[in-house]
Amino acid sequence: MIARKMWMLSGTAAVIAMAGGTGGTTGCTVNTTNPADGGTGSSSGASGSSSGSSGSSSGSSSGSSSGSSSGSGGDDGGTDDDAGDAGFCFTSQNTATGFTAVALVCGQNTPSGIAVHNGVVYWTDYAPGGTVMSVPETGGTPTTIATNQDYPWAIAVDDNNVYWTNYDNQYATNVGGSTSSGTVMKVPLTGGTPVTLDTGLESPWGIAVDANNVYYTAAAGGHVKSVPIAGGSVTVLAQGQGTPAGIAVQNGVVYWTNNTDGTVSSTSAGGGGAVKVLTTSNDAAYALGIALDSTSIFFTANSGSGNNSPVLSLPLAGSSSPTVLASAENTPWSVAVDATNVYWTQNIPNNGAVSSIPLTGGSITRLNTGADDATGIAVDATGVYYTAAGGGRVWRITPP
């Protein structure tokens, strides 16, 4: 479960159980009788409550995430023809809403960060010697873009390159690790030799990109940084932050969540500007994933106990009282947004979910349930995409 890595939420280091090796991937054989970690899907009429006076990064949101699974793809429920599910993909349909989930790729170790760009889905497979992969959003043969990466984690994409964070392997495998071996990487969309943009980072978590720079958080180091896309001098945008996690950039402003501080902050993308704390509400405790539209910030927080954590929004300028869009979620993790809805994953073993709600609140729609450690999420005009870290699969959800 990705929560094994929740020193992010508890403020203490934790052991992450990881399988060795890189994820093996084959073309998908669709089995419509076993939904496995895609679940059967159900619809919920619960509406997000509203309190008074709320891009995206990618990754396992850019705040995104990881978890543990076996190298063969894990056992995520059902009665599989192949003990380990490697090389087999599944479909499931939410009969209440008509949404259909299709596993694009199976047999990964721990698929984590995810992004979609120009009809192609990209993701990281979080493992020692991990990979960065892609597949057409309509399905097909997966492409390995980078290999032998050190726990690749969050991911971002532009027209030319794929960017990702390699999570500090000492933090990933040891309790209280104190070394700084995390990196920020890039490679052309079609693959090639990866280039290191920054190194010596303490647990780099979220990542985002604009026309000029790559932006990223170093969770254990408390830093928010940027580096030119072409490489060069690193700029420290903020330091002394409380476990910065998810990150997004828009119109020359960088926004991020501080997990242990329970805040959402921003600063100038060019550096040298003051850090502005946009909210310190109790609802924002253990803030994690973040996404933006033209007027608002959307983020997840694990501030409640059990099933009582929220998905929230606040204006780009900030607010002391974020709007609670959904109030009773269990481990809401990554978040994405389009012109109509907010989407998020619930990072729960065997019983995670992918959900949506209108930008201004309303009824929650469960797009897919039974997902094994639903982790990263991305959206485009044709579908919603997510990683099931425990199930070792990359999924696409399409509307009726």
Protein backbone atom coordinates (compact mmCIF):
# COMPACT_ATOMS: atom_id res chain seq x y z
CA MET A 1 0.00 0.00 0.00
CA ILE A 2 1.20 3.47 -0.74
CA ALA A 3 0.37 4.48 2.80
CA ARG A 4 3.49 2.55 3.81
CA LYS A 5 5.25 5.59 2.49
CA MET A 6 3.14 7.92 4.56
CA TRP A 7 5.90 9.49 6.53
CA MET A 8 4.51 12.26 4.34
CA LEU A 9 1.36 12.14 6.41
CA SER A 10 2.75 11.15 9.77
CA GLY A 11 5.88 13.29 9.72
CA THR A 12 8.13 10.29 10.35
CA ALA A 13 10.09 8.03 8.06
CA ALA A 14 8.65 4.64 7.18
CA VAL A 15 9.81 1.51 5.42
CA ILE A 16 8.52 1.00 1.91
CA ALA A 17 8.33 -2.61 0.83
CA MET A 18 9.45 -2.80 -2.78
CA ALA A 19 9.93 -5.63 -5.20
CA GLY A 20 13.17 -5.77 -7.11
CA GLY A 21 13.63 -5.56 -10.85
CA THR A 22 11.86 -3.68 -13.58
CA GLY A 23 8.26 -4.22 -14.55
CA GLY A 24 7.75 -6.62 -17.39
CA THR A 25 5.05 -5.59 -19.86
CA THR A 26 3.39 -7.37 -22.71
CA GLY A 27 0.55 -6.63 -25.04
CA CYS A 28 -2.80 -6.83 -23.28
CA THR A 29 -5.22 -9.70 -23.56
CA VAL A 30 -8.60 -8.43 -22.43
CA ASN A 31 -10.48 -10.59 -19.96
CA THR A 32 -13.96 -9.20 -19.40
CA THR A 33 -14.87 -11.66 -16.67
CA ASN A 34 -12.36 -10.51 -14.07
CA PRO A 35 -12.34 -6.80 -13.23
CA ALA A 36 -9.38 -7.31 -10.88
CA ASP A 37 -8.09 -3.98 -9.57
CA GLY A 38 -10.40 -2.06 -11.84
CA GLY A 39 -13.34 -3.14 -9.73
CA THR A 40 -16.94 -3.27 -10.75
CA GLY A 41 -17.67 0.40 -10.28
CA SER A 42 -20.49 1.90 -8.32
CA SER A 43 -22.23 5.22 -8.13
CA SER A 44 -22.53 7.34 -5.05
CA GLY A 45 -25.11 10.03 -4.55
CA ALA A 46 -23.21 11.65 -1.71
CA SER A 47 -22.61 15.31 -2.28
CA GLY A 48 -19.56 17.22 -1.23
CA SER A 49 -20.30 19.54 1.61
CA SER A 50 -19.27 23.15 1.49
CA SER A 51 -17.70 25.13 4.25
CA GLY A 52 -17.59 28.89 4.38
CA SER A 53 -15.27 31.16 2.92
CA SER A 54 -10.14 26.99 -2.38
CA GLY A 55 -1.98 21.61 -13.77
CA SER A 56 -1.12 20.41 -13.22
CA SER A 57 1.67 18.68 -11.67
CA SER A 58 1.74 15.12 -12.38
CA GLY A 59 2.84 12.37 -10.55
CA SER A 60 1.72 10.44 -8.59
CA SER A 61 -0.08 14.08 -8.81
CA SER A 62 2.87 15.86 -8.82
CA GLY A 63 2.12 14.95 -5.71
CA SER A 64 1.66 11.70 -6.41
CA SER A 65 2.72 8.53 -5.03
CA SER A 66 3.92 5.14 -4.80
CA GLY A 67 3.33 1.95 -3.11
CA SER A 68 4.37 -1.65 -3.12
CA SER A 69 3.53 -4.57 -5.31
CA SER A 70 5.16 -7.71 -6.52
CA GLY A 71 7.26 -7.63 -9.64
CA SER A 72 4.70 -9.76 -11.44
CA GLY A 73 1.98 -7.20 -11.03
CA GLY A 74 0.55 -8.21 -7.70
CA ASP A 75 -2.53 -10.15 -6.68
CA ASP A 76 -5.35 -7.67 -6.77
CA GLY A 77 -8.36 -9.84 -6.35
CA GLY A 78 -10.40 -12.14 -8.54
CA THR A 79 -9.50 -15.52 -9.98
CA ASP A 80 -6.88 -14.88 -12.60
CA ASP A 81 -5.87 -17.30 -15.31
CA ASP A 82 -2.25 -16.43 -14.65
CA ALA A 83 -1.10 -16.37 -11.05
CA GLY A 84 0.33 -12.87 -10.88
CA ASP A 85 -1.63 -11.27 -13.69
CA ALA A 86 1.48 -10.42 -15.71
CA GLY A 87 0.60 -9.83 -19.33
CA PHE A 88 -3.15 -9.89 -18.81
CA CYS A 89 -5.43 -6.84 -18.88
CA PHE A 90 -9.04 -6.45 -17.89
CA THR A 91 -12.13 -4.37 -18.46
CA SER A 92 -14.94 -3.43 -16.12
CA GLN A 93 -18.08 -1.39 -16.59
CA ASN A 94 -19.87 0.74 -14.05
CA THR A 95 -23.41 -0.25 -14.92
CA ALA A 96 -24.86 2.56 -12.83
CA THR A 97 -23.08 5.33 -14.76
CA GLY A 98 -21.95 3.62 -17.95
CA PHE A 99 -18.24 4.40 -17.48
CA THR A 100 -15.89 1.71 -18.77
CA ALA A 101 -12.40 1.03 -17.37
CA VAL A 102 -9.79 -0.68 -19.53
CA ALA A 103 -6.36 -1.75 -18.27
CA LEU A 104 -3.93 -0.46 -20.90
CA VAL A 105 -0.91 -2.14 -19.34
CA CYS A 106 -0.43 -4.95 -16.81
CA GLY A 107 2.53 -6.62 -15.11
CA GLN A 108 4.20 -3.49 -13.78
CA ASN A 109 5.97 -3.34 -10.44
CA THR A 110 4.42 -0.25 -8.88
CA PRO A 111 3.09 2.19 -11.48
CA SER A 112 2.95 5.59 -9.81
CA GLY A 113 3.14 8.98 -11.53
CA ILE A 114 1.08 9.39 -14.72
CA ALA A 115 0.63 12.02 -17.43
CA VAL A 116 -1.15 12.15 -20.80
CA HIS A 117 -0.06 14.24 -23.78
CA ASN A 118 -1.13 14.23 -27.43
CA GLY A 119 -2.82 10.85 -27.22
CA VAL A 120 -0.02 9.08 -25.33
CA VAL A 121 -0.02 8.01 -21.68
CA TYR A 122 3.26 8.18 -19.74
CA TRP A 123 4.00 6.73 -16.31
CA THR A 124 6.74 5.81 -13.88
CA ASP A 125 7.23 2.33 -12.48
CA TYR A 126 8.49 2.90 -8.95
CA ALA A 127 11.13 0.30 -8.16
CA PRO A 128 14.89 -0.12 -7.87
CA GLY A 129 16.02 -0.21 -11.47
CA GLY A 130 12.60 1.21 -12.36
CA THR A 131 11.36 2.34 -15.74
CA VAL A 132 9.59 5.23 -17.43
CA MET A 133 7.04 3.96 -19.95
CA SER A 134 4.44 5.08 -22.49
CA VAL A 135 1.51 3.56 -24.38
CA PRO A 136 -1.07 4.99 -26.79
CA GLU A 137 -4.16 6.08 -24.88
CA THR A 138 -6.24 3.78 -27.09
CA GLY A 139 -4.04 0.80 -26.20
CA GLY A 140 -1.21 -0.94 -27.98
CA THR A 141 2.37 -1.96 -27.40
CA PRO A 142 4.04 -0.16 -24.47
CA THR A 143 7.33 1.66 -25.08
CA THR A 144 10.15 1.76 -22.56
CA ILE A 145 11.49 5.31 -22.49
CA ALA A 146 14.08 4.98 -19.71
CA THR A 147 15.45 2.06 -17.72
CA ASN A 148 17.54 1.52 -14.59
CA GLN A 149 16.06 4.51 -12.79
CA ASP A 150 16.23 4.79 -9.02
CA TYR A 151 12.62 4.63 -7.85
CA PRO A 152 11.11 6.91 -10.54
CA TRP A 153 8.19 8.74 -8.98
CA ALA A 154 6.38 11.86 -10.25
CA ILE A 155 6.21 12.66 -13.97
CA ALA A 156 5.54 15.62 -16.27
CA VAL A 157 5.53 15.95 -20.06
CA ASP A 158 5.80 18.71 -22.66
CA ASP A 159 5.98 18.66 -26.46
CA ASN A 160 9.56 17.42 -26.49
CA ASN A 161 10.51 15.64 -23.29
CA VAL A 162 9.44 13.53 -20.35
CA TYR A 163 10.57 14.73 -16.91
CA TRP A 164 10.50 12.77 -13.68
CA THR A 165 11.83 12.60 -10.15
CA ASN A 166 13.90 9.68 -8.93
CA TYR A 167 12.96 9.33 -5.30
CA ASP A 168 15.92 9.05 -2.93
CA ASN A 169 16.48 5.30 -2.67
CA GLN A 170 17.77 5.58 0.88
CA TYR A 171 14.49 7.17 1.95
CA ALA A 172 12.57 4.59 -0.04
CA THR A 173 14.15 1.58 1.63
CA ASN A 174 15.39 2.65 5.05
CA VAL A 175 13.84 3.98 8.20
CA GLY A 176 15.14 7.46 8.87
CA GLY A 177 17.43 7.54 5.84
CA SER A 178 19.45 10.74 5.72
CA THR A 179 21.30 10.63 2.43
CA SER A 180 20.52 12.86 -0.53
CA SER A 181 20.54 10.77 -3.68
CA GLY A 182 17.31 11.88 -5.36
CA THR A 183 17.44 13.31 -8.88
CA VAL A 184 15.39 15.17 -11.47
CA MET A 185 15.65 13.66 -14.95
CA LYS A 186 14.57 14.24 -18.54
CA VAL A 187 14.59 12.27 -21.78
CA PRO A 188 13.04 12.82 -25.23
CA LEU A 189 9.47 11.57 -25.66
CA THR A 190 10.70 8.73 -27.84
CA GLY A 191 13.44 7.70 -25.43
CA GLY A 192 17.20 8.01 -25.47
CA THR A 193 19.86 8.72 -22.89
CA PRO A 194 18.37 10.30 -19.76
CA VAL A 195 19.84 13.63 -18.67
CA THR A 196 20.21 14.57 -15.01
CA LEU A 197 18.92 18.09 -14.39
CA ASP A 198 19.48 18.13 -10.62
CA THR A 199 20.94 15.73 -8.10
CA GLY A 200 21.61 15.42 -4.38
CA LEU A 201 17.94 15.90 -3.51
CA GLU A 202 16.24 14.66 -0.36
CA SER A 203 13.17 12.78 -1.53
CA PRO A 204 12.06 14.75 -4.62
CA TRP A 205 8.29 14.38 -4.75
CA GLY A 206 6.22 16.46 -7.19
CA ILE A 207 7.21 17.81 -10.60
CA ALA A 208 5.76 20.29 -13.10
CA VAL A 209 6.96 22.00 -16.27
CA ASP A 210 6.26 25.16 -18.25
CA ALA A 211 7.84 26.63 -21.39
CA ASN A 212 11.09 27.49 -19.62
CA ASN A 213 11.70 25.46 -16.49
CA VAL A 214 11.09 22.28 -14.56
CA TYR A 215 9.73 22.80 -11.04
CA TYR A 216 9.93 20.24 -8.24
CA THR A 217 9.66 19.70 -4.52
CA ALA A 218 12.23 18.04 -2.26
CA ALA A 219 9.95 16.70 0.44
CA ALA A 220 12.49 15.71 3.08
CA GLY A 221 14.69 18.72 2.33
CA GLY A 222 11.87 21.25 2.59
CA HIS A 223 12.79 22.90 -0.72
CA VAL A 224 10.93 24.01 -3.81
CA LYS A 225 13.28 24.40 -6.78
CA SER A 226 13.47 24.99 -10.52
CA VAL A 227 15.96 24.26 -13.26
CA PRO A 228 15.94 25.30 -16.93
CA ILE A 229 14.57 22.67 -19.31
CA ALA A 230 17.87 22.73 -21.17
CA GLY A 231 19.79 22.27 -17.92
CA GLY A 232 21.84 24.78 -15.99
CA SER A 233 21.77 26.56 -12.66
CA VAL A 234 19.21 25.44 -10.09
CA THR A 235 17.07 28.13 -8.44
CA VAL A 236 15.77 27.65 -4.90
CA LEU A 237 12.27 29.13 -4.98
CA ALA A 238 11.43 28.32 -1.36
CA GLN A 239 13.13 26.64 1.58
CA GLY A 240 12.21 25.63 5.09
CA GLN A 241 8.87 24.31 3.87
CA GLY A 242 6.89 21.66 5.75
CA THR A 243 7.36 18.60 3.55
CA PRO A 244 6.46 20.13 0.17
CA ALA A 245 4.65 17.57 -1.96
CA GLY A 246 2.40 18.29 -4.96
CA ILE A 247 3.40 21.13 -7.29
CA ALA A 248 1.85 22.96 -10.25
CA VAL A 249 2.75 26.02 -12.32
CA GLN A 250 0.62 28.50 -14.23
CA ASN A 251 1.09 32.01 -15.64
CA GLY A 252 4.43 32.56 -13.97
CA VAL A 253 3.36 31.39 -10.50
CA VAL A 254 4.31 28.13 -8.79
CA TYR A 255 1.87 26.53 -6.33
CA TRP A 256 2.53 23.63 -3.96
CA THR A 257 1.15 21.75 -0.98
CA ASN A 258 3.03 21.43 2.30
CA ASN A 259 2.11 18.10 3.77
CA THR A 260 3.22 18.34 7.38
CA ASP A 261 2.45 22.07 7.61
CA GLY A 262 -1.02 21.60 6.15
CA THR A 263 -0.66 24.64 3.91
CA VAL A 264 -0.87 25.59 0.25
CA SER A 265 1.69 28.16 -0.86
CA SER A 266 2.87 30.00 -3.95
CA THR A 267 5.73 32.11 -5.27
CA SER A 268 7.01 33.62 -8.49
CA ALA A 269 8.23 31.05 -11.00
CA GLY A 270 11.17 33.32 -11.78
CA GLY A 271 12.54 33.13 -8.25
CA GLY A 272 13.38 35.87 -5.80
CA GLY A 273 9.78 36.48 -4.78
CA ALA A 274 8.21 36.11 -1.37
CA VAL A 275 6.45 32.87 -0.48
CA LYS A 276 2.73 33.47 -0.04
CA VAL A 277 0.79 31.11 2.21
CA LEU A 278 -2.59 30.73 0.51
CA THR A 279 -4.39 28.78 3.22
CA THR A 280 -3.70 27.35 6.67
CA SER A 281 -7.16 25.93 7.30
CA ASN A 282 -7.50 22.84 9.49
CA ASP A 283 -9.19 21.20 6.50
CA ALA A 284 -5.87 21.44 4.64
CA ALA A 285 -3.94 19.33 7.15
CA TYR A 286 -1.67 16.85 5.38
CA ALA A 287 -2.30 18.45 2.00
CA LEU A 288 -0.95 16.33 -0.84
CA GLY A 289 -2.08 16.41 -4.49
CA ILE A 290 -2.64 19.69 -6.37
CA ALA A 291 -4.09 20.81 -9.72
CA LEU A 292 -5.08 24.17 -11.20
CA ASP A 293 -7.58 25.71 -13.55
CA SER A 294 -7.74 29.36 -14.63
CA THR A 295 -9.29 30.56 -11.37
CA SER A 296 -8.80 27.96 -8.65
CA ILE A 297 -6.51 25.53 -6.88
CA PHE A 298 -7.78 22.00 -6.22
CA PHE A 299 -6.07 19.79 -3.69
CA THR A 300 -6.42 16.69 -1.55
CA ALA A 301 -5.79 16.48 2.17
CA ASN A 302 -5.66 13.61 4.61
CA SER A 303 -6.82 15.74 7.52
CA GLY A 304 -9.58 13.45 8.73
CA SER A 305 -9.55 10.04 10.35
CA GLY A 306 -10.78 6.98 8.50
CA ASN A 307 -13.17 8.05 5.76
CA ASN A 308 -13.31 11.73 6.69
CA SER A 309 -10.64 13.39 4.53
CA PRO A 310 -11.53 16.12 2.04
CA VAL A 311 -11.00 17.25 -1.52
CA LEU A 312 -10.91 21.05 -1.54
CA SER A 313 -10.64 24.16 -3.69
CA LEU A 314 -9.60 27.75 -3.10
CA PRO A 315 -9.07 30.81 -5.32
CA LEU A 316 -5.63 31.27 -6.87
CA ALA A 317 -5.21 34.31 -4.63
CA GLY A 318 -5.86 32.18 -1.53
CA SER A 319 -8.47 31.98 1.21
CA SER A 320 -8.49 31.23 4.93
CA SER A 321 -11.50 28.96 4.36
CA PRO A 322 -11.14 26.57 1.41
CA THR A 323 -14.28 25.14 -0.15
CA VAL A 324 -14.77 21.50 0.80
CA LEU A 325 -15.93 19.76 -2.38
CA ALA A 326 -15.98 16.24 -0.92
CA SER A 327 -15.76 15.76 2.81
CA ALA A 328 -15.77 12.05 3.60
CA GLU A 329 -13.08 10.45 1.44
CA ASN A 330 -10.69 7.70 2.47
CA THR A 331 -7.08 8.59 1.65
CA PRO A 332 -7.62 11.01 -1.25
CA TRP A 333 -4.32 11.17 -3.10
CA SER A 334 -3.65 12.64 -6.54
CA VAL A 335 -5.95 15.14 -8.23
CA ALA A 336 -6.60 16.33 -11.81
CA VAL A 337 -9.01 18.81 -13.34
CA ASP A 338 -10.67 19.58 -16.66
CA ALA A 339 -13.18 22.23 -17.73
CA THR A 340 -16.04 20.51 -15.90
CA ASN A 341 -14.89 18.29 -13.05
CA VAL A 342 -12.28 17.55 -10.44
CA TYR A 343 -10.95 13.98 -10.37
CA TRP A 344 -9.04 12.18 -7.63
CA THR A 345 -7.70 8.80 -6.60
CA GLN A 346 -8.16 7.05 -3.27
CA ASN A 347 -5.03 5.18 -2.30
CA ILE A 348 -6.45 2.11 -0.56
CA PRO A 349 -5.32 -1.52 -1.03
CA ASN A 350 -7.89 -3.55 -2.98
CA ASN A 351 -10.63 -0.98 -2.41
CA GLY A 352 -9.42 2.31 -3.83
CA ALA A 353 -11.52 4.44 -6.13
CA VAL A 354 -11.40 7.04 -8.88
CA SER A 355 -14.01 9.73 -8.39
CA SER A 356 -15.17 13.05 -9.78
CA ILE A 357 -17.26 16.02 -8.73
CA PRO A 358 -18.22 19.25 -10.53
CA LEU A 359 -15.75 22.10 -10.09
CA THR A 360 -18.16 23.99 -7.85
CA GLY A 361 -19.30 20.95 -5.87
CA GLY A 362 -22.32 18.67 -6.08
CA SER A 363 -22.76 14.90 -6.27
CA ILE A 364 -19.74 12.61 -6.31
CA THR A 365 -19.52 10.10 -9.14
CA ARG A 366 -17.51 6.95 -8.50
CA LEU A 367 -15.97 6.33 -11.90
CA ASN A 368 -14.32 3.11 -10.78
CA THR A 369 -14.02 1.24 -7.50
CA GLY A 370 -12.07 -1.74 -6.22
CA ALA A 371 -8.82 -0.23 -7.50
CA ASP A 372 -5.75 -1.61 -5.74
CA ASP A 373 -3.85 1.45 -4.48
CA ALA A 374 -5.16 3.95 -7.02
CA THR A 375 -2.31 6.44 -7.21
CA GLY A 376 -1.54 8.93 -9.99
CA ILE A 377 -4.27 10.47 -12.16
CA ALA A 378 -4.42 12.44 -15.42
CA VAL A 379 -7.22 13.55 -17.72
CA ASP A 380 -7.67 14.66 -21.32
CA ALA A 381 -10.61 15.20 -23.65
CA THR A 382 -11.22 11.49 -24.19
CA GLY A 383 -10.66 9.84 -20.83
CA VAL A 384 -9.37 9.66 -17.27
CA TYR A 385 -6.15 7.71 -16.66
CA TYR A 386 -4.79 6.34 -13.41
CA THR A 387 -2.19 3.99 -12.01
CA ALA A 388 -3.09 1.12 -9.69
CA ALA A 389 0.17 0.73 -7.81
CA GLY A 390 -0.82 -2.38 -5.91
CA GLY A 391 -2.29 -4.05 -8.97
CA GLY A 392 0.59 -3.22 -11.29
CA ARG A 393 -1.69 -1.76 -13.95
CA VAL A 394 -2.32 1.45 -15.86
CA TRP A 395 -6.00 2.17 -16.49
CA ARG A 396 -8.15 4.29 -18.78
CA ILE A 397 -11.73 5.25 -17.90
CA THR A 398 -14.06 6.44 -20.65
CA PRO A 399 -17.56 7.93 -20.32
CA PRO A 400 -20.69 6.30 -21.76
